[in-house]
């Protein structure tokens, strides 16, 4: 498993360099959802694919930017699902972005998810890694050769950050009541539009709520289960928080029918998730 972590570290250095020095414009292609791709999306995808081709324990890789599963090694036992550059539309205004990785063994669902990681490309490069049954571990890029261990991440019972996603005019009334209720309690709005930096902030500040609900225009949510929702669900659960869908069920019970399936998601401390369940009546 640690050979995959080492590969992710190498990937982080290369993507950071690409962000700093390469073209920020759009490519001529589209991703699996029909969205225009930035050249950095394509470049980041290529960096990850090239590095994982040299990791023999990886059987298949699945990218948010591609429609199909890519087979790598017959004797591999892991499938890695990844979002090469989450929040890439923020790059041109110089906000933090990230990469997300879910490592699956056997089934492509919450049960088969055995490890997860994400990288934040911000004022410094940070990496969070977790294996099922263990606390998430935080590292930072000490130089271009190694990451240094900072410590384990644990969420408090309650936080004070509120990061609500989705277009507000499409929110259901009960979701608006949840968000407004947290603000009335004194929660601070912290939402950049990037899943990685927003969830990273809640983790390092030890609590709060990140929500991306089902909305009137997207009832099944926007965020993809295998690439985004499940990896963060494992990280938050292992940190002592919770991660649930709009029915209040653990996201780790998700069983996608298609590699690009989406789901509403709520990730945070136990207090905020209980507030979500009460607002949603679940």
Foldseek 3Di string as FASTA:
>chain_A
DVVVVVLVLLLLLVLLVCLVDHDQAWDPDAFPVRHTHTPSQVVLVVSSVVSVLPPQQEQWEAERRYADIGGRHPNHFKYKYKHRWFPSVCSVVQAKIKMKIFIFGPALALVRTFKIKMWINHPWIKMWIDGFPAFIWIWTDPDSPDIHTDGGWAADQAAQAEAEDDDVVFADPLVVVLRVVSVVVPHDYDYDPGLVVVLVVQRVRRWDKYWFAQTNVRNFTDDFLRHRQSNVQSNQVNNQAAKAFQQLHGRSPDRDPGRRGGHTMMGTHNVSSVSSCVSSVD
